[in-house]
Amino acid sequence: VRACALGQAAASLMGAHAIGRTPEELAEARDG
């Protein structure tokens, strides 16, 4: 990650909860 604090914070939340997720769940999170 090479981003501003907001991009870093989003990457932190994504990474903290991504393990075990399906592609559909990741797409749903992105869209939501």
PDB file of all heavy atoms in Angstrom:
ATOM      1  N   VAL A   1       0.836  -1.200   0.000  1.00  0.00           N
ATOM      2  CA  VAL A   1       0.000   0.000   0.000  1.00  0.00           C
ATOM      3  C   VAL A   1       0.870   1.249   0.000  1.00  0.00           C
ATOM      4  O   VAL A   1       1.715   1.423   0.876  1.00  0.00           O
ATOM      5  CB  VAL A   1      -0.929   0.012   1.240  1.00  0.00           C
ATOM      6  CG1 VAL A   1      -1.807   1.253   1.253  1.00  0.00           C
ATOM      7  CG2 VAL A   1      -1.771  -1.252   1.295  1.00  0.00           C
ATOM      8  N   ARG A   2       0.654   2.093  -0.985  1.00  0.00           N
ATOM      9  CA  ARG A   2       1.304   3.402  -1.084  1.00  0.00           C
ATOM     10  C   ARG A   2       0.172   4.402  -1.300  1.00  0.00           C
ATOM     11  O   ARG A   2      -0.175   4.730  -2.428  1.00  0.00           O
ATOM     12  CB  ARG A   2       2.283   3.447  -2.260  1.00  0.00           C
ATOM     13  CG  ARG A   2       3.377   2.407  -2.189  1.00  0.00           C
ATOM     14  CD  ARG A   2       4.373   2.737  -1.080  1.00  0.00           C
ATOM     15  NE  ARG A   2       5.429   1.752  -1.013  1.00  0.00           N
ATOM     16  CZ  ARG A   2       5.536   0.810  -0.077  1.00  0.00           C
ATOM     17  NH1 ARG A   2       4.635   0.716   0.874  1.00  0.00           N
ATOM     18  NH2 ARG A   2       6.545  -0.026  -0.082  1.00  0.00           N
ATOM     19  N   ALA A   3      -0.418   4.828  -0.203  1.00  0.00           N
ATOM     20  CA  ALA A   3      -1.629   5.650  -0.293  1.00  0.00           C
ATOM     21  C   ALA A   3      -1.679   6.641   0.859  1.00  0.00           C
ATOM     22  O   ALA A   3      -0.913   6.542   1.818  1.00  0.00           O
ATOM     23  CB  ALA A   3      -2.870   4.755  -0.267  1.00  0.00           C
ATOM     24  N   CYS A   4      -2.617   7.554   0.746  1.00  0.00           N
ATOM     25  CA  CYS A   4      -2.873   8.501   1.827  1.00  0.00           C
ATOM     26  C   CYS A   4      -3.442   7.752   3.033  1.00  0.00           C
ATOM     27  O   CYS A   4      -3.727   6.558   2.960  1.00  0.00           O
ATOM     28  CB  CYS A   4      -3.853   9.572   1.355  1.00  0.00           C
ATOM     29  SG  CYS A   4      -5.523   8.935   1.049  1.00  0.00           S
ATOM     30  N   ALA A   5      -3.618   8.448   4.124  1.00  0.00           N
ATOM     31  CA  ALA A   5      -4.115   7.814   5.346  1.00  0.00           C
ATOM     32  C   ALA A   5      -5.476   7.153   5.133  1.00  0.00           C
ATOM     33  O   ALA A   5      -5.746   6.085   5.698  1.00  0.00           O
ATOM     34  CB  ALA A   5      -4.185   8.828   6.484  1.00  0.00           C
ATOM     35  N   LEU A   6      -6.337   7.753   4.319  1.00  0.00           N
ATOM     36  CA  LEU A   6      -7.650   7.154   4.072  1.00  0.00           C
ATOM     37  C   LEU A   6      -7.515   5.846   3.296  1.00  0.00           C
ATOM     38  O   LEU A   6      -8.174   4.847   3.621  1.00  0.00           O
ATOM     39  CB  LEU A   6      -8.553   8.128   3.321  1.00  0.00           C
ATOM     40  CG  LEU A   6      -8.978   9.362   4.126  1.00  0.00           C
ATOM     41  CD1 LEU A   6      -9.607  10.391   3.216  1.00  0.00           C
ATOM     42  CD2 LEU A   6      -9.911   8.974   5.249  1.00  0.00           C
ATOM     43  N   GLY A   7      -6.677   5.829   2.280  1.00  0.00           N
ATOM     44  CA  GLY A   7      -6.439   4.603   1.526  1.00  0.00           C
ATOM     45  C   GLY A   7      -5.780   3.539   2.379  1.00  0.00           C
ATOM     46  O   GLY A   7      -6.099   2.349   2.280  1.00  0.00           O
ATOM     47  N   GLN A   8      -4.865   3.944   3.248  1.00  0.00           N
ATOM     48  CA  GLN A   8      -4.227   3.009   4.161  1.00  0.00           C
ATOM     49  C   GLN A   8      -5.233   2.438   5.156  1.00  0.00           C
ATOM     50  O   GLN A   8      -5.213   1.243   5.450  1.00  0.00           O
ATOM     51  CB  GLN A   8      -3.093   3.696   4.908  1.00  0.00           C
ATOM     52  CG  GLN A   8      -1.918   4.050   4.049  1.00  0.00           C
ATOM     53  CD  GLN A   8      -0.875   4.847   4.826  1.00  0.00           C
ATOM     54  OE1 GLN A   8      -0.766   4.743   6.044  1.00  0.00           O
ATOM     55  NE2 GLN A   8      -0.109   5.654   4.110  1.00  0.00           N
ATOM     56  N   ALA A   9      -6.105   3.279   5.678  1.00  0.00           N
ATOM     57  CA  ALA A   9      -7.121   2.816   6.635  1.00  0.00           C
ATOM     58  C   ALA A   9      -8.059   1.811   5.978  1.00  0.00           C
ATOM     59  O   ALA A   9      -8.410   0.788   6.571  1.00  0.00           O
ATOM     60  CB  ALA A   9      -7.912   4.002   7.187  1.00  0.00           C
ATOM     61  N   ALA A  10      -8.457   2.089   4.735  1.00  0.00           N
ATOM     62  CA  ALA A  10      -9.325   1.153   4.018  1.00  0.00           C
ATOM     63  C   ALA A  10      -8.604  -0.171   3.774  1.00  0.00           C
ATOM     64  O   ALA A  10      -9.186  -1.249   3.937  1.00  0.00           O
ATOM     65  CB  ALA A  10      -9.786   1.760   2.692  1.00  0.00           C
ATOM     66  N   ALA A  11      -7.315  -0.110   3.403  1.00  0.00           N
ATOM     67  CA  ALA A  11      -6.533  -1.329   3.192  1.00  0.00           C
ATOM     68  C   ALA A  11      -6.415  -2.119   4.488  1.00  0.00           C
ATOM     69  O   ALA A  11      -6.448  -3.356   4.488  1.00  0.00           O
ATOM     70  CB  ALA A  11      -5.156  -0.987   2.648  1.00  0.00           C
ATOM     71  N   SER A  12      -6.298  -1.422   5.588  1.00  0.00           N
ATOM     72  CA  SER A  12      -6.225  -2.076   6.892  1.00  0.00           C
ATOM     73  C   SER A  12      -7.510  -2.844   7.197  1.00  0.00           C
ATOM     74  O   SER A  12      -7.469  -4.008   7.619  1.00  0.00           O
ATOM     75  CB  SER A  12      -5.956  -1.031   7.979  1.00  0.00           C
ATOM     76  OG  SER A  12      -5.803  -1.635   9.237  1.00  0.00           O
ATOM     77  N   LEU A  13      -8.647  -2.206   6.965  1.00  0.00           N
ATOM     78  CA  LEU A  13      -9.934  -2.867   7.205  1.00  0.00           C
ATOM     79  C   LEU A  13     -10.162  -4.027   6.237  1.00  0.00           C
ATOM     80  O   LEU A  13     -10.682  -5.074   6.628  1.00  0.00           O
ATOM     81  CB  LEU A  13     -11.078  -1.864   7.087  1.00  0.00           C
ATOM     82  CG  LEU A  13     -11.187  -0.867   8.235  1.00  0.00           C
ATOM     83  CD1 LEU A  13     -12.202   0.219   7.903  1.00  0.00           C
ATOM     84  CD2 LEU A  13     -11.545  -1.573   9.532  1.00  0.00           C
ATOM     85  N   MET A  14      -9.759  -3.853   4.994  1.00  0.00           N
ATOM     86  CA  MET A  14      -9.921  -4.930   4.023  1.00  0.00           C
ATOM     87  C   MET A  14      -9.057  -6.113   4.440  1.00  0.00           C
ATOM     88  O   MET A  14      -9.523  -7.237   4.546  1.00  0.00           O
ATOM     89  CB  MET A  14      -9.543  -4.440   2.616  1.00  0.00           C
ATOM     90  CG  MET A  14      -9.820  -5.436   1.500  1.00  0.00           C
ATOM     91  SD  MET A  14      -8.523  -6.667   1.257  1.00  0.00           S
ATOM     92  CE  MET A  14      -7.137  -5.639   0.837  1.00  0.00           C
ATOM     93  N   GLY A  15      -7.787  -5.863   4.704  1.00  0.00           N
ATOM     94  CA  GLY A  15      -6.871  -6.938   5.056  1.00  0.00           C
ATOM     95  C   GLY A  15      -7.204  -7.648   6.347  1.00  0.00           C
ATOM     96  O   GLY A  15      -7.001  -8.859   6.473  1.00  0.00           O
ATOM     97  N   ALA A  16      -7.734  -6.919   7.298  1.00  0.00           N
ATOM     98  CA  ALA A  16      -8.058  -7.509   8.598  1.00  0.00           C
ATOM     99  C   ALA A  16      -9.203  -8.507   8.534  1.00  0.00           C
ATOM    100  O   ALA A  16      -9.318  -9.374   9.401  1.00  0.00           O
ATOM    101  CB  ALA A  16      -8.405  -6.398   9.597  1.00  0.00           C
ATOM    102  N   HIS A  17     -10.036  -8.413   7.504  1.00  0.00           N
ATOM    103  CA  HIS A  17     -11.235  -9.246   7.444  1.00  0.00           C
ATOM    104  C   HIS A  17     -11.366 -10.068   6.168  1.00  0.00           C
ATOM    105  O   HIS A  17     -12.402 -10.681   5.929  1.00  0.00           O
ATOM    106  CB  HIS A  17     -12.475  -8.367   7.615  1.00  0.00           C
ATOM    107  CG  HIS A  17     -12.455  -7.566   8.875  1.00  0.00           C
ATOM    108  ND1 HIS A  17     -12.672  -8.121  10.116  1.00  0.00           N
ATOM    109  CD2 HIS A  17     -12.188  -6.253   9.085  1.00  0.00           C
ATOM    110  CE1 HIS A  17     -12.550  -7.181  11.046  1.00  0.00           C
ATOM    111  NE2 HIS A  17     -12.256  -6.044  10.446  1.00  0.00           N
ATOM    112  N   ALA A  18     -10.340 -10.094   5.333  1.00  0.00           N
ATOM    113  CA  ALA A  18     -10.446 -10.750   4.024  1.00  0.00           C
ATOM    114  C   ALA A  18     -10.235 -12.261   4.052  1.00  0.00           C
ATOM    115  O   ALA A  18     -10.822 -12.980   3.239  1.00  0.00           O
ATOM    116  CB  ALA A  18      -9.455 -10.123   3.046  1.00  0.00           C
ATOM    117  N   ILE A  19      -9.410 -12.752   4.959  1.00  0.00           N
ATOM    118  CA  ILE A  19      -9.107 -14.181   4.983  1.00  0.00           C
ATOM    119  C   ILE A  19     -10.399 -14.968   5.254  1.00  0.00           C
ATOM    120  O   ILE A  19     -11.161 -14.659   6.166  1.00  0.00           O
ATOM    121  CB  ILE A  19      -8.039 -14.509   6.041  1.00  0.00           C
ATOM    122  CG1 ILE A  19      -6.770 -13.687   5.803  1.00  0.00           C
ATOM    123  CG2 ILE A  19      -7.738 -16.012   6.061  1.00  0.00           C
ATOM    124  CD1 ILE A  19      -6.116 -13.875   4.450  1.00  0.00           C
ATOM    125  N   GLY A  20     -10.626 -15.971   4.409  1.00  0.00           N
ATOM    126  CA  GLY A  20     -11.830 -16.796   4.536  1.00  0.00           C
ATOM    127  C   GLY A  20     -13.018 -16.292   3.733  1.00  0.00           C
ATOM    128  O   GLY A  20     -14.047 -16.955   3.657  1.00  0.00           O
ATOM    129  N   ARG A  21     -12.882 -15.132   3.102  1.00  0.00           N
ATOM    130  CA  ARG A  21     -13.993 -14.557   2.329  1.00  0.00           C
ATOM    131  C   ARG A  21     -14.022 -15.105   0.911  1.00  0.00           C
ATOM    132  O   ARG A  21     -12.999 -15.494   0.350  1.00  0.00           O
ATOM    133  CB  ARG A  21     -13.861 -13.036   2.256  1.00  0.00           C
ATOM    134  CG  ARG A  21     -13.869 -12.324   3.586  1.00  0.00           C
ATOM    135  CD  ARG A  21     -15.229 -12.354   4.239  1.00  0.00           C
ATOM    136  NE  ARG A  21     -15.226 -11.565   5.461  1.00  0.00           N
ATOM    137  CZ  ARG A  21     -16.175 -10.729   5.801  1.00  0.00           C
ATOM    138  NH1 ARG A  21     -17.237 -10.568   5.043  1.00  0.00           N
ATOM    139  NH2 ARG A  21     -16.081 -10.055   6.925  1.00  0.00           N
ATOM    140  N   THR A  22     -15.196 -15.085   0.334  1.00  0.00           N
ATOM    141  CA  THR A  22     -15.383 -15.520  -1.052  1.00  0.00           C
ATOM    142  C   THR A  22     -15.213 -14.331  -1.990  1.00  0.00           C
ATOM    143  O   THR A  22     -15.304 -13.170  -1.559  1.00  0.00           O
ATOM    144  CB  THR A  22     -16.799 -16.092  -1.258  1.00  0.00           C
ATOM    145  OG1 THR A  22     -17.752 -15.032  -1.058  1.00  0.00           O
ATOM    146  CG2 THR A  22     -17.089 -17.250  -0.321  1.00  0.00           C
ATOM    147  N   PRO A  23     -15.017 -14.605  -3.276  1.00  0.00           N
ATOM    148  CA  PRO A  23     -14.976 -13.494  -4.239  1.00  0.00           C
ATOM    149  C   PRO A  23     -16.255 -12.656  -4.208  1.00  0.00           C
ATOM    150  O   PRO A  23     -16.196 -11.434  -4.348  1.00  0.00           O
ATOM    151  CB  PRO A  23     -14.807 -14.202  -5.586  1.00  0.00           C
ATOM    152  CG  PRO A  23     -14.106 -15.473  -5.255  1.00  0.00           C
ATOM    153  CD  PRO A  23     -14.669 -15.880  -3.915  1.00  0.00           C
ATOM    154  N   GLU A  24     -17.386 -13.306  -4.002  1.00  0.00           N
ATOM    155  CA  GLU A  24     -18.660 -12.574  -3.942  1.00  0.00           C
ATOM    156  C   GLU A  24     -18.696 -11.622  -2.749  1.00  0.00           C
ATOM    157  O   GLU A  24     -19.200 -10.496  -2.859  1.00  0.00           O
ATOM    158  CB  GLU A  24     -19.844 -13.548  -3.865  1.00  0.00           C
ATOM    159  CG  GLU A  24     -20.054 -14.372  -5.109  1.00  0.00           C
ATOM    160  CD  GLU A  24     -19.121 -15.589  -5.224  1.00  0.00           C
ATOM    161  OE1 GLU A  24     -18.459 -15.961  -4.219  1.00  0.00           O
ATOM    162  OE2 GLU A  24     -19.031 -16.140  -6.332  1.00  0.00           O
ATOM    163  N   GLU A  25     -18.181 -12.069  -1.621  1.00  0.00           N
ATOM    164  CA  GLU A  25     -18.165 -11.213  -0.435  1.00  0.00           C
ATOM    165  C   GLU A  25     -17.248 -10.005  -0.640  1.00  0.00           C
ATOM    166  O   GLU A  25     -17.570  -8.890  -0.201  1.00  0.00           O
ATOM    167  CB  GLU A  25     -17.725 -12.006   0.791  1.00  0.00           C
ATOM    168  CG  GLU A  25     -18.768 -12.990   1.272  1.00  0.00           C
ATOM    169  CD  GLU A  25     -18.258 -13.908   2.361  1.00  0.00           C
ATOM    170  OE1 GLU A  25     -17.182 -14.525   2.183  1.00  0.00           O
ATOM    171  OE2 GLU A  25     -18.950 -14.016   3.395  1.00  0.00           O
ATOM    172  N   LEU A  26     -16.124 -10.218  -1.298  1.00  0.00           N
ATOM    173  CA  LEU A  26     -15.230  -9.094  -1.579  1.00  0.00           C
ATOM    174  C   LEU A  26     -15.877  -8.107  -2.544  1.00  0.00           C
ATOM    175  O   LEU A  26     -15.775  -6.886  -2.360  1.00  0.00           O
ATOM    176  CB  LEU A  26     -13.904  -9.597  -2.137  1.00  0.00           C
ATOM    177  CG  LEU A  26     -13.018 -10.350  -1.138  1.00  0.00           C
ATOM    178  CD1 LEU A  26     -11.840 -10.988  -1.845  1.00  0.00           C
ATOM    179  CD2 LEU A  26     -12.556  -9.432  -0.030  1.00  0.00           C
ATOM    180  N   ALA A  27     -16.553  -8.613  -3.564  1.00  0.00           N
ATOM    181  CA  ALA A  27     -17.246  -7.736  -4.509  1.00  0.00           C
ATOM    182  C   ALA A  27     -18.383  -6.987  -3.813  1.00  0.00           C
ATOM    183  O   ALA A  27     -18.600  -5.792  -4.067  1.00  0.00           O
ATOM    184  CB  ALA A  27     -17.778  -8.539  -5.693  1.00  0.00           C
ATOM    185  N   GLU A  28     -19.083  -7.660  -2.941  1.00  0.00           N
ATOM    186  CA  GLU A  28     -20.170  -7.020  -2.194  1.00  0.00           C
ATOM    187  C   GLU A  28     -19.635  -5.906  -1.301  1.00  0.00           C
ATOM    188  O   GLU A  28     -20.236  -4.828  -1.206  1.00  0.00           O
ATOM    189  CB  GLU A  28     -20.903  -8.069  -1.358  1.00  0.00           C
ATOM    190  CG  GLU A  28     -22.093  -7.542  -0.614  1.00  0.00           C
ATOM    191  CD  GLU A  28     -22.799  -8.654   0.151  1.00  0.00           C
ATOM    192  OE1 GLU A  28     -23.259  -9.619  -0.485  1.00  0.00           O
ATOM    193  OE2 GLU A  28     -22.871  -8.552   1.396  1.00  0.00           O
ATOM    194  N   ALA A  29     -18.496  -6.140  -0.651  1.00  0.00           N
ATOM    195  CA  ALA A  29     -17.893  -5.108   0.199  1.00  0.00           C
ATOM    196  C   ALA A  29     -17.467  -3.906  -0.642  1.00  0.00           C
ATOM    197  O   ALA A  29     -17.713  -2.755  -0.263  1.00  0.00           O
ATOM    198  CB  ALA A  29     -16.701  -5.688   0.953  1.00  0.00           C
ATOM    199  N   ARG A  30     -16.838  -4.160  -1.779  1.00  0.00           N
ATOM    200  CA  ARG A  30     -16.419  -3.082  -2.691  1.00  0.00           C
ATOM    201  C   ARG A  30     -17.624  -2.258  -3.131  1.00  0.00           C
ATOM    202  O   ARG A  30     -17.614  -1.030  -3.065  1.00  0.00           O
ATOM    203  CB  ARG A  30     -15.724  -3.691  -3.911  1.00  0.00           C
ATOM    204  CG  ARG A  30     -15.354  -2.679  -4.981  1.00  0.00           C
ATOM    205  CD  ARG A  30     -15.176  -3.317  -6.335  1.00  0.00           C
ATOM    206  NE  ARG A  30     -16.407  -3.992  -6.748  1.00  0.00           N
ATOM    207  CZ  ARG A  30     -16.444  -5.075  -7.520  1.00  0.00           C
ATOM    208  NH1 ARG A  30     -15.344  -5.616  -7.988  1.00  0.00           N
ATOM    209  NH2 ARG A  30     -17.609  -5.618  -7.845  1.00  0.00           N
ATOM    210  N   ASP A  31     -18.667  -2.938  -3.565  1.00  0.00           N
ATOM    211  CA  ASP A  31     -19.849  -2.243  -4.071  1.00  0.00           C
ATOM    212  C   ASP A  31     -20.578  -1.491  -2.964  1.00  0.00           C
ATOM    213  O   ASP A  31     -21.030  -0.362  -3.176  1.00  0.00           O
ATOM    214  CB  ASP A  31     -20.794  -3.238  -4.745  1.00  0.00           C
ATOM    215  CG  ASP A  31     -20.179  -3.875  -5.981  1.00  0.00           C
ATOM    216  OD1 ASP A  31     -19.138  -3.376  -6.481  1.00  0.00           O
ATOM    217  OD2 ASP A  31     -20.725  -4.899  -6.436  1.00  0.00           O
ATOM    218  N   GLY A  32     -20.683  -2.100  -1.791  1.00  0.00           N
ATOM    219  CA  GLY A  32     -21.345  -1.435  -0.675  1.00  0.00           C
ATOM    220  C   GLY A  32     -20.617  -0.173  -0.254  1.00  0.00           C
ATOM    221  O   GLY A  32     -21.240   0.869  -0.002  1.00  0.00           O
TER     222      GLY A  32
END
